[in-house]
Amino acid sequence: MSGSPTPSLVTAAPTQRDLLDFVRRTAEDRELIDSLPLDPEGRTWVRLEGPGGGEAWLIGWPPGTGTGWHDHAESVGAFLTASGALKEHSLAARLPADGWKTLELSEDIDRERTLAAGQGRAFGRHHVHEVLNESTSEHAISVHAYYPPLPQIRRYSRTGAVLRLENVERPEDWQ
């Protein structure tokens, strides 16, 4: 008896919408959110299994903490505030992936949004932003998901309109 080979199941990579749906569902898991240990001084995090082989993180933000300017390289992502509020500053332009150390940003490139509990956003590759908990008294907790798993994070400093690449972190730096 001859037969044709069984086709293998191909799973499509999660889209930005899939990642946003994932972080929304995860943030609704109150038991998981409440299980995150919170530190009064520094951010805390727990790695989660992301959708479609991606990676995800549950992150606690003490009052007054933030990420600094960074991007997620070739990964697309989404994050959602599960409790408290976070502010995101971002750039409304795709920057070159490599080959630069300093860029002078054009006017009207800055975007700012506050994400209260239950609010989130998705973003594409090379999205440059910083995320902050500006509260002086309340922790924030958020859920983040990325696909493909983060190959690196580029960290930047910013002075006025000048963005400067400071360093590149690899997964072993934050595992």
C-alpha atoms as a PDB file:
ATOM      1  CA  MET A   1       0.000   0.000   0.000  1.00  0.00           C
ATOM      2  CA  SER A   2       1.473   3.285  -0.969  1.00  0.00           C
ATOM      3  CA  GLY A   3       0.529   6.541   0.598  1.00  0.00           C
ATOM      4  CA  SER A   4       1.576  10.101   0.549  1.00  0.00           C
ATOM      5  CA  PRO A   5       3.626  11.450   3.414  1.00  0.00           C
ATOM      6  CA  THR A   6       1.700  13.058   6.207  1.00  0.00           C
ATOM      7  CA  PRO A   7       2.082  16.810   5.966  1.00  0.00           C
ATOM      8  CA  SER A   8       3.713  18.348   8.971  1.00  0.00           C
ATOM      9  CA  LEU A   9       1.768  20.875  10.954  1.00  0.00           C
ATOM     10  CA  VAL A  10       3.146  24.339  10.405  1.00  0.00           C
ATOM     11  CA  THR A  11       2.346  26.876  13.051  1.00  0.00           C
ATOM     12  CA  ALA A  12       2.370  30.483  11.959  1.00  0.00           C
ATOM     13  CA  ALA A  13       4.451  32.892  13.995  1.00  0.00           C
ATOM     14  CA  PRO A  14       2.336  34.886  16.431  1.00  0.00           C
ATOM     15  CA  THR A  15       1.338  38.323  15.157  1.00  0.00           C
ATOM     16  CA  GLN A  16       1.360  41.531  17.175  1.00  0.00           C
ATOM     17  CA  ARG A  17      -2.372  40.991  17.735  1.00  0.00           C
ATOM     18  CA  ASP A  18      -1.719  37.426  18.985  1.00  0.00           C
ATOM     19  CA  LEU A  19       0.882  38.756  21.420  1.00  0.00           C
ATOM     20  CA  LEU A  20      -1.492  41.457  22.658  1.00  0.00           C
ATOM     21  CA  ASP A  21      -4.251  38.847  23.146  1.00  0.00           C
ATOM     22  CA  PHE A  22      -1.772  36.688  25.074  1.00  0.00           C
ATOM     23  CA  VAL A  23      -0.693  39.477  27.449  1.00  0.00           C
ATOM     24  CA  ARG A  24      -4.342  40.453  28.002  1.00  0.00           C
ATOM     25  CA  ARG A  25      -5.348  36.874  28.898  1.00  0.00           C
ATOM     26  CA  THR A  26      -2.288  36.446  31.108  1.00  0.00           C
ATOM     27  CA  ALA A  27      -2.960  39.720  32.958  1.00  0.00           C
ATOM     28  CA  GLU A  28      -6.466  38.458  33.765  1.00  0.00           C
ATOM     29  CA  ASP A  29      -4.945  35.560  35.752  1.00  0.00           C
ATOM     30  CA  ARG A  30      -5.129  37.252  39.166  1.00  0.00           C
ATOM     31  CA  GLU A  31      -3.481  34.299  40.913  1.00  0.00           C
ATOM     32  CA  LEU A  32      -0.435  34.632  38.650  1.00  0.00           C
ATOM     33  CA  ILE A  33      -0.311  38.438  38.976  1.00  0.00           C
ATOM     34  CA  ASP A  34      -0.635  38.263  42.764  1.00  0.00           C
ATOM     35  CA  SER A  35       2.136  35.626  42.965  1.00  0.00           C
ATOM     36  CA  LEU A  36       4.844  37.978  41.673  1.00  0.00           C
ATOM     37  CA  PRO A  37       7.202  38.943  44.506  1.00  0.00           C
ATOM     38  CA  LEU A  38       7.523  42.721  44.684  1.00  0.00           C
ATOM     39  CA  ASP A  39      10.695  44.471  45.806  1.00  0.00           C
ATOM     40  CA  PRO A  40      10.458  48.047  47.122  1.00  0.00           C
ATOM     41  CA  GLU A  41      13.761  48.996  45.451  1.00  0.00           C
ATOM     42  CA  GLY A  42      14.124  47.217  42.112  1.00  0.00           C
ATOM     43  CA  ARG A  43      12.106  45.598  39.379  1.00  0.00           C
ATOM     44  CA  THR A  44      11.275  41.915  39.731  1.00  0.00           C
ATOM     45  CA  TRP A  45      10.394  39.514  36.949  1.00  0.00           C
ATOM     46  CA  VAL A  46       9.409  35.964  36.154  1.00  0.00           C
ATOM     47  CA  ARG A  47       9.839  34.432  32.723  1.00  0.00           C
ATOM     48  CA  LEU A  48       6.730  32.835  31.233  1.00  0.00           C
ATOM     49  CA  GLU A  49       6.174  30.612  28.225  1.00  0.00           C
ATOM     50  CA  GLY A  50       5.144  32.881  25.353  1.00  0.00           C
ATOM     51  CA  PRO A  51       2.798  32.013  22.509  1.00  0.00           C
ATOM     52  CA  GLY A  52       4.106  30.046  19.524  1.00  0.00           C
ATOM     53  CA  GLY A  53       7.566  29.518  21.022  1.00  0.00           C
ATOM     54  CA  GLY A  54       7.982  33.172  21.939  1.00  0.00           C
ATOM     55  CA  GLU A  55       8.949  34.472  25.335  1.00  0.00           C
ATOM     56  CA  ALA A  56       6.970  36.374  27.921  1.00  0.00           C
ATOM     57  CA  TRP A  57       7.683  38.142  31.196  1.00  0.00           C
ATOM     58  CA  LEU A  58       5.695  39.160  34.241  1.00  0.00           C
ATOM     59  CA  ILE A  59       7.368  42.318  35.607  1.00  0.00           C
ATOM     60  CA  GLY A  60       6.920  44.223  38.872  1.00  0.00           C
ATOM     61  CA  TRP A  61       7.757  47.938  38.891  1.00  0.00           C
ATOM     62  CA  PRO A  62       8.366  49.722  42.204  1.00  0.00           C
ATOM     63  CA  PRO A  63       7.406  53.403  42.316  1.00  0.00           C
ATOM     64  CA  GLY A  64       9.789  55.578  40.310  1.00  0.00           C
ATOM     65  CA  THR A  65      11.446  52.797  38.263  1.00  0.00           C
ATOM     66  CA  GLY A  66      11.858  52.464  34.514  1.00  0.00           C
ATOM     67  CA  THR A  67      13.676  50.713  31.717  1.00  0.00           C
ATOM     68  CA  GLY A  68      15.606  53.513  30.072  1.00  0.00           C
ATOM     69  CA  TRP A  69      15.521  53.835  26.278  1.00  0.00           C
ATOM     70  CA  HIS A  70      15.848  50.491  24.476  1.00  0.00           C
ATOM     71  CA  ASP A  71      14.557  48.352  21.621  1.00  0.00           C
ATOM     72  CA  HIS A  72      13.922  44.638  21.127  1.00  0.00           C
ATOM     73  CA  ALA A  73      15.870  44.218  17.885  1.00  0.00           C
ATOM     74  CA  GLU A  74      14.129  41.896  15.416  1.00  0.00           C
ATOM     75  CA  SER A  75      11.336  40.851  17.776  1.00  0.00           C
ATOM     76  CA  VAL A  76       7.774  42.120  17.673  1.00  0.00           C
ATOM     77  CA  GLY A  77       6.100  42.512  21.031  1.00  0.00           C
ATOM     78  CA  ALA A  78       3.225  43.564  23.219  1.00  0.00           C
ATOM     79  CA  PHE A  79       2.780  44.571  26.822  1.00  0.00           C
ATOM     80  CA  LEU A  80      -0.153  45.286  29.083  1.00  0.00           C
ATOM     81  CA  THR A  81      -0.414  46.838  32.519  1.00  0.00           C
ATOM     82  CA  ALA A  82      -2.022  44.344  34.914  1.00  0.00           C
ATOM     83  CA  SER A  83      -2.075  46.687  37.923  1.00  0.00           C
ATOM     84  CA  GLY A  84      -1.030  50.258  38.600  1.00  0.00           C
ATOM     85  CA  ALA A  85      -0.100  52.450  35.634  1.00  0.00           C
ATOM     86  CA  LEU A  86       2.879  52.691  33.313  1.00  0.00           C
ATOM     87  CA  LYS A  87       3.981  55.474  30.993  1.00  0.00           C
ATOM     88  CA  GLU A  88       5.617  54.752  27.662  1.00  0.00           C
ATOM     89  CA  HIS A  89       7.745  57.247  25.745  1.00  0.00           C
ATOM     90  CA  SER A  90       8.418  56.042  22.206  1.00  0.00           C
ATOM     91  CA  LEU A  91       9.731  57.208  18.864  1.00  0.00           C
ATOM     92  CA  ALA A  92       7.334  57.321  15.921  1.00  0.00           C
ATOM     93  CA  ALA A  93       9.945  56.177  13.417  1.00  0.00           C
ATOM     94  CA  ARG A  94      11.775  53.005  12.582  1.00  0.00           C
ATOM     95  CA  LEU A  95      15.472  53.489  13.190  1.00  0.00           C
ATOM     96  CA  PRO A  96      18.206  51.734  11.221  1.00  0.00           C
ATOM     97  CA  ALA A  97      18.936  48.319  12.716  1.00  0.00           C
ATOM     98  CA  ASP A  98      22.724  48.609  12.689  1.00  0.00           C
ATOM     99  CA  GLY A  99      25.632  50.729  11.592  1.00  0.00           C
ATOM    100  CA  TRP A 100      25.155  53.768  13.819  1.00  0.00           C
ATOM    101  CA  LYS A 101      26.163  54.953  17.260  1.00  0.00           C
ATOM    102  CA  THR A 102      24.516  58.389  17.381  1.00  0.00           C
ATOM    103  CA  LEU A 103      21.404  59.748  15.657  1.00  0.00           C
ATOM    104  CA  GLU A 104      19.908  63.191  15.688  1.00  0.00           C
ATOM    105  CA  LEU A 105      16.153  62.741  15.890  1.00  0.00           C
ATOM    106  CA  SER A 106      13.765  64.887  13.894  1.00  0.00           C
ATOM    107  CA  GLU A 107      11.068  67.022  15.480  1.00  0.00           C
ATOM    108  CA  ASP A 108       7.641  65.547  16.153  1.00  0.00           C
ATOM    109  CA  ILE A 109       9.034  62.027  16.544  1.00  0.00           C
ATOM    110  CA  ASP A 110       8.182  61.656  20.253  1.00  0.00           C
ATOM    111  CA  ARG A 111       5.075  59.830  21.432  1.00  0.00           C
ATOM    112  CA  GLU A 112       3.833  59.397  24.988  1.00  0.00           C
ATOM    113  CA  ARG A 113       1.039  57.283  26.412  1.00  0.00           C
ATOM    114  CA  THR A 114      -0.122  56.244  29.845  1.00  0.00           C
ATOM    115  CA  LEU A 115      -1.311  52.655  30.173  1.00  0.00           C
ATOM    116  CA  ALA A 116      -3.573  52.132  33.184  1.00  0.00           C
ATOM    117  CA  ALA A 117      -4.509  48.658  34.443  1.00  0.00           C
ATOM    118  CA  GLY A 118      -6.038  46.666  31.592  1.00  0.00           C
ATOM    119  CA  GLN A 119      -4.461  48.791  28.851  1.00  0.00           C
ATOM    120  CA  GLY A 120      -1.697  47.604  26.568  1.00  0.00           C
ATOM    121  CA  ARG A 121      -0.116  47.957  23.169  1.00  0.00           C
ATOM    122  CA  ALA A 122       1.690  45.974  20.528  1.00  0.00           C
ATOM    123  CA  PHE A 123       4.722  47.097  18.546  1.00  0.00           C
ATOM    124  CA  GLY A 124       6.880  46.052  15.610  1.00  0.00           C
ATOM    125  CA  ARG A 125      10.562  45.368  15.110  1.00  0.00           C
ATOM    126  CA  HIS A 126      13.099  48.005  16.170  1.00  0.00           C
ATOM    127  CA  HIS A 127      10.532  49.863  18.311  1.00  0.00           C
ATOM    128  CA  VAL A 128      12.521  52.263  20.507  1.00  0.00           C
ATOM    129  CA  HIS A 129      10.894  53.178  23.808  1.00  0.00           C
ATOM    130  CA  GLU A 130      11.219  53.552  27.543  1.00  0.00           C
ATOM    131  CA  VAL A 131       8.653  52.391  30.097  1.00  0.00           C
ATOM    132  CA  LEU A 132       8.240  54.047  33.503  1.00  0.00           C
ATOM    133  CA  ASN A 133       6.245  53.702  36.687  1.00  0.00           C
ATOM    134  CA  GLU A 134       5.867  57.368  37.585  1.00  0.00           C
ATOM    135  CA  SER A 135       3.837  56.689  40.724  1.00  0.00           C
ATOM    136  CA  THR A 136       5.448  57.802  43.975  1.00  0.00           C
ATOM    137  CA  SER A 137       3.586  55.217  46.047  1.00  0.00           C
ATOM    138  CA  GLU A 138       2.149  52.340  43.999  1.00  0.00           C
ATOM    139  CA  HIS A 139       3.790  49.319  42.367  1.00  0.00           C
ATOM    140  CA  ALA A 140       2.783  48.484  38.809  1.00  0.00           C
ATOM    141  CA  ILE A 141       2.746  44.990  37.312  1.00  0.00           C
ATOM    142  CA  SER A 142       2.830  44.255  33.598  1.00  0.00           C
ATOM    143  CA  VAL A 143       2.928  41.315  31.204  1.00  0.00           C
ATOM    144  CA  HIS A 144       5.222  41.393  28.130  1.00  0.00           C
ATOM    145  CA  ALA A 145       5.493  38.984  25.176  1.00  0.00           C
ATOM    146  CA  TYR A 146       7.963  38.866  22.279  1.00  0.00           C
ATOM    147  CA  TYR A 147       8.380  36.839  19.100  1.00  0.00           C
ATOM    148  CA  PRO A 148      10.823  35.570  18.180  1.00  0.00           C
ATOM    149  CA  PRO A 149      12.446  35.234  21.609  1.00  0.00           C
ATOM    150  CA  LEU A 150      14.605  38.291  22.216  1.00  0.00           C
ATOM    151  CA  PRO A 151      17.951  37.937  20.437  1.00  0.00           C
ATOM    152  CA  GLN A 152      19.207  41.119  22.061  1.00  0.00           C
ATOM    153  CA  ILE A 153      18.179  44.425  23.591  1.00  0.00           C
ATOM    154  CA  ARG A 154      19.945  47.578  22.497  1.00  0.00           C
ATOM    155  CA  ARG A 155      20.163  50.245  25.224  1.00  0.00           C
ATOM    156  CA  TYR A 156      20.312  53.944  24.421  1.00  0.00           C
ATOM    157  CA  SER A 157      20.899  57.239  26.177  1.00  0.00           C
ATOM    158  CA  ARG A 158      19.047  60.335  25.098  1.00  0.00           C
ATOM    159  CA  THR A 159      19.944  63.991  25.444  1.00  0.00           C
ATOM    160  CA  GLY A 160      17.440  66.267  23.728  1.00  0.00           C
ATOM    161  CA  ALA A 161      17.241  65.204  20.089  1.00  0.00           C
ATOM    162  CA  VAL A 162      20.363  63.008  20.252  1.00  0.00           C
ATOM    163  CA  LEU A 163      19.949  59.249  20.708  1.00  0.00           C
ATOM    164  CA  ARG A 164      23.156  57.324  21.407  1.00  0.00           C
ATOM    165  CA  LEU A 165      23.640  53.541  21.374  1.00  0.00           C
ATOM    166  CA  GLU A 166      25.250  52.663  24.715  1.00  0.00           C
ATOM    167  CA  ASN A 167      25.363  48.876  24.816  1.00  0.00           C
ATOM    168  CA  VAL A 168      23.837  45.644  23.556  1.00  0.00           C
ATOM    169  CA  GLU A 169      22.538  43.005  25.962  1.00  0.00           C
ATOM    170  CA  ARG A 170      22.144  39.351  25.069  1.00  0.00           C
ATOM    171  CA  PRO A 171      19.715  36.860  26.667  1.00  0.00           C
ATOM    172  CA  GLU A 172      22.358  35.562  29.078  1.00  0.00           C
ATOM    173  CA  ASP A 173      22.523  39.075  30.573  1.00  0.00           C
ATOM    174  CA  TRP A 174      18.938  38.998  31.870  1.00  0.00           C
ATOM    175  CA  GLN A 175      18.031  35.329  32.285  1.00  0.00           C
END
